[in-house]
Protein backbone atom coordinates (compact mmCIF):
# COMPACT_ATOMS: atom_id res chain seq x y z
CA MET A 1 -105.55 -91.57 12.14
CA LEU A 2 -102.99 -88.88 11.40
CA VAL A 3 -103.31 -87.21 7.99
CA PHE A 4 -100.66 -84.86 6.63
CA TYR A 5 -101.64 -82.39 3.95
CA ARG A 6 -99.59 -80.49 1.41
CA TYR A 7 -100.73 -76.99 0.67
CA LEU A 8 -97.33 -75.78 -0.50
CA LEU A 9 -94.77 -78.12 -2.02
CA GLU A 10 -91.81 -76.23 -0.56
CA ILE A 11 -93.03 -76.82 3.03
CA PHE A 12 -91.74 -80.40 2.94
CA PHE A 13 -88.39 -79.19 1.61
CA PHE A 14 -87.98 -76.53 4.31
CA THR A 15 -89.17 -78.92 7.00
CA SER A 16 -86.51 -81.38 5.86
CA ILE A 17 -83.93 -78.61 6.20
CA ASP A 18 -85.25 -77.79 9.70
CA ILE A 19 -84.99 -81.44 10.72
CA GLY A 20 -81.43 -81.58 9.41
CA LEU A 21 -80.54 -78.36 11.22
CA TYR A 22 -81.94 -79.55 14.55
CA PHE A 23 -80.23 -82.92 14.13
CA GLY A 24 -76.94 -81.16 13.36
CA ILE A 25 -77.27 -79.03 16.48
CA LEU A 26 -78.10 -82.12 18.52
CA CYS A 27 -75.01 -83.92 17.18
CA ALA A 28 -72.81 -80.85 17.84
CA ILE A 29 -73.86 -80.43 21.49
CA PRO A 30 -71.37 -82.98 22.91
CA SER A 31 -68.50 -81.26 21.10
CA ILE A 32 -69.67 -77.82 22.24
CA LEU A 33 -69.97 -79.02 25.84
CA TYR A 34 -66.50 -80.55 25.64
CA GLN A 35 -65.03 -77.27 24.35
CA ILE A 36 -66.72 -75.24 27.09
CA THR A 37 -65.61 -77.72 29.74
CA SER A 38 -62.04 -77.74 28.43
CA TYR A 39 -61.96 -73.96 28.69
CA VAL A 40 -63.55 -73.66 32.14
CA ILE A 41 -62.08 -76.62 34.09
CA PRO A 42 -58.41 -75.48 34.25
CA GLY A 43 -59.36 -72.30 36.10
CA LEU A 44 -61.36 -74.02 38.82
CA THR A 45 -60.32 -75.36 42.21
CA VAL A 46 -60.85 -79.05 42.99
CA ARG A 47 -64.05 -78.30 44.91
CA GLU A 48 -65.37 -76.12 42.07
CA LYS A 49 -64.46 -78.80 39.52
CA ASN A 50 -66.46 -81.39 41.45
CA PHE A 51 -69.46 -79.05 41.64
CA PHE A 52 -69.15 -78.20 37.92
CA VAL A 53 -69.06 -81.89 36.96
CA LEU A 54 -72.06 -82.61 39.22
CA ILE A 55 -74.06 -79.77 37.68
CA THR A 56 -73.12 -80.73 34.12
CA VAL A 57 -73.89 -84.44 34.47
CA SER A 58 -77.10 -83.78 36.41
CA SER A 59 -78.26 -81.16 33.92
CA ILE A 60 -77.71 -83.43 30.93
CA SER A 61 -79.42 -86.33 32.71
CA LEU A 62 -82.44 -84.25 33.73
CA PHE A 63 -82.76 -82.73 30.24
CA LEU A 64 -82.73 -86.20 28.68
CA LEU A 65 -85.24 -87.42 31.27
CA GLY A 66 -87.52 -84.49 30.40
CA THR A 67 -87.27 -85.15 26.67
CA ILE A 68 -87.95 -88.87 27.15
CA PHE A 69 -90.95 -88.06 29.36
CA SER A 70 -92.29 -85.60 26.82
CA PHE A 71 -91.74 -87.88 23.84
CA ASN A 72 -93.21 -91.02 25.45
CA VAL A 73 -95.94 -89.63 27.72
CA LEU A 74 -96.84 -85.99 27.11
CA SER A 75 -96.59 -85.53 23.34
CA PRO A 76 -98.66 -88.55 22.26
CA TYR A 77 -101.45 -87.67 24.68
CA ALA A 78 -101.48 -83.99 23.69
CA LEU A 79 -101.45 -84.80 19.97
CA LYS A 80 -104.28 -87.30 20.42
CA PHE A 81 -106.27 -84.70 22.32
CA PHE A 82 -105.81 -82.15 19.52
CA LEU A 83 -106.74 -84.59 16.78
CA ASP A 84 -109.77 -85.99 18.65
CA TYR A 85 -111.00 -82.60 19.89
CA SER A 86 -113.21 -81.87 16.89
CA GLU A 87 -113.49 -85.37 15.51
CA ASN A 88 -117.23 -85.26 14.84
CA SER A 89 -117.36 -81.80 13.29
CA VAL A 90 -114.28 -81.45 11.06
CA GLU A 91 -111.54 -83.67 9.70
CA ALA A 92 -108.32 -83.05 11.56
CA THR A 93 -105.40 -82.54 9.21
CA ILE A 94 -101.94 -81.36 10.06
CA SER A 95 -98.96 -80.35 7.99
CA ILE A 96 -95.60 -82.02 8.48
CA LYS A 97 -94.18 -78.65 9.56
CA GLN A 98 -96.84 -78.20 12.26
CA TYR A 99 -96.32 -81.77 13.44
CA PHE A 100 -92.54 -81.36 13.64
CA GLU A 101 -92.70 -77.95 15.36
CA PHE A 102 -95.24 -79.23 17.88
CA PHE A 103 -92.98 -82.10 18.94
CA VAL A 104 -89.75 -80.08 18.96
CA GLU A 105 -91.22 -77.24 21.03
CA LEU A 106 -92.93 -79.54 23.53
CA ILE A 107 -89.87 -81.75 23.95
CA PHE A 108 -87.53 -78.76 24.35
CA VAL A 109 -89.78 -77.02 26.89
CA SER A 110 -90.08 -80.26 28.88
CA GLY A 111 -86.31 -80.71 28.89
CA ILE A 112 -85.83 -77.16 30.18
CA ALA A 113 -88.59 -77.59 32.80
CA PHE A 114 -86.84 -80.68 34.16
CA GLN A 115 -83.85 -78.46 35.04
CA LEU A 116 -85.72 -77.25 38.16
CA PRO A 117 -83.45 -79.03 40.71
CA ILE A 118 -80.37 -77.59 38.97
CA PHE A 119 -81.79 -74.06 39.25
CA GLN A 120 -82.59 -74.67 42.91
CA LEU A 121 -79.05 -75.85 43.60
CA ILE A 122 -77.48 -72.91 41.77
CA PHE A 123 -79.73 -70.40 43.56
CA VAL A 124 -78.87 -71.85 46.97
CA LYS A 125 -75.14 -71.94 46.20
CA SER A 126 -75.38 -68.32 44.97
CA LYS A 127 -77.22 -67.40 48.19
CA ILE A 128 -80.25 -66.12 46.25
CA LEU A 129 -82.44 -68.71 48.00
CA SER A 130 -82.03 -70.71 51.17
CA LEU A 131 -83.03 -74.25 51.94
CA GLU A 132 -85.33 -73.00 54.69
CA SER A 133 -87.17 -70.62 52.33
CA MET A 134 -87.66 -73.42 49.78
CA LYS A 135 -89.10 -75.63 52.51
CA SER A 136 -91.38 -72.96 53.96
CA GLN A 137 -92.65 -71.64 50.61
CA TRP A 138 -93.50 -75.00 49.00
CA ARG A 139 -97.23 -74.20 48.78
CA VAL A 140 -96.53 -71.00 46.84
CA VAL A 141 -94.13 -72.85 44.55
CA PHE A 142 -96.69 -75.59 43.89
CA LEU A 143 -99.25 -72.94 42.95
CA LEU A 144 -96.71 -71.28 40.65
CA ILE A 145 -95.95 -74.67 39.07
CA LEU A 146 -99.66 -75.15 38.38
CA ILE A 147 -99.93 -71.67 36.85
CA ILE A 148 -96.82 -72.08 34.69
CA SER A 149 -97.91 -75.59 33.67
CA SER A 150 -101.29 -74.25 32.59
CA ILE A 151 -99.54 -71.65 30.43
CA ILE A 152 -97.13 -74.06 28.73
CA THR A 153 -99.66 -76.89 28.41
CA PRO A 154 -100.47 -77.33 24.73
CA THR A 155 -104.04 -78.44 25.45
CA THR A 156 -106.86 -77.24 27.68
CA ASP A 157 -107.64 -80.52 29.40
CA PRO A 158 -106.71 -81.03 33.06
CA LEU A 159 -105.00 -84.39 32.46
CA THR A 160 -102.23 -82.80 30.36
CA LEU A 161 -101.87 -80.08 33.01
CA LEU A 162 -101.36 -82.77 35.64
CA LEU A 163 -98.97 -84.68 33.36
CA ILE A 164 -96.78 -81.56 33.28
CA SER A 165 -97.20 -80.34 36.85
CA PHE A 166 -96.77 -83.61 38.81
CA PRO A 167 -93.24 -84.27 37.56
CA LEU A 168 -92.36 -80.65 38.37
CA PHE A 169 -93.75 -81.09 41.90
CA PHE A 170 -91.56 -84.15 42.38
CA LEU A 171 -88.57 -82.39 40.85
CA TYR A 172 -89.04 -79.48 43.27
CA ILE A 173 -89.04 -81.89 46.20
CA PHE A 174 -86.05 -83.70 44.70
CA GLY A 175 -84.29 -80.33 44.41
CA ILE A 176 -84.86 -79.64 48.10
CA LEU A 177 -83.46 -83.06 48.98
CA LEU A 178 -80.50 -82.51 46.64
CA VAL A 179 -79.69 -79.13 48.19
CA LYS A 180 -80.00 -80.62 51.67
CA TYR A 181 -77.65 -83.48 50.70
CA ILE A 182 -75.03 -81.22 49.10
CA ASN A 183 -75.06 -78.69 51.95
């Protein structure tokens, strides 16, 4: 059972303002993206426009996929782990601010992490990486994904680590296939 506590009355007020601010930013993002696109598109060639549209649509889709994954799979499990961790010794209580910040941070980080194929595509197009180096260095990248996942994992249990790292493994492989398809 989740119990919220109030130690300061103004915390609920400021948390409500935070929720409103984040919701306002979320609602403004389509307009901001439209303004940026309207500014950038006229100066691009047809080939660059197609690539820009591909990157934009893919990035939005992957970010939404990451947030849905985090909200439906990762966040509930991590929160349950935290609340059940010391169940027999202390009563787990959480403030509404901590609860909100936990979900927002985890969902945002997951959305950014799901941008991995976009970064791969941009790095290959910029000639920073090559398709061959991504293929040959996959073991090193998988180890780095495990290390980074262990750092950003909100809990210490291995299941949450795997819940974060497995999608990133698949996204890395998807990125290689995407780069191969586009080249």
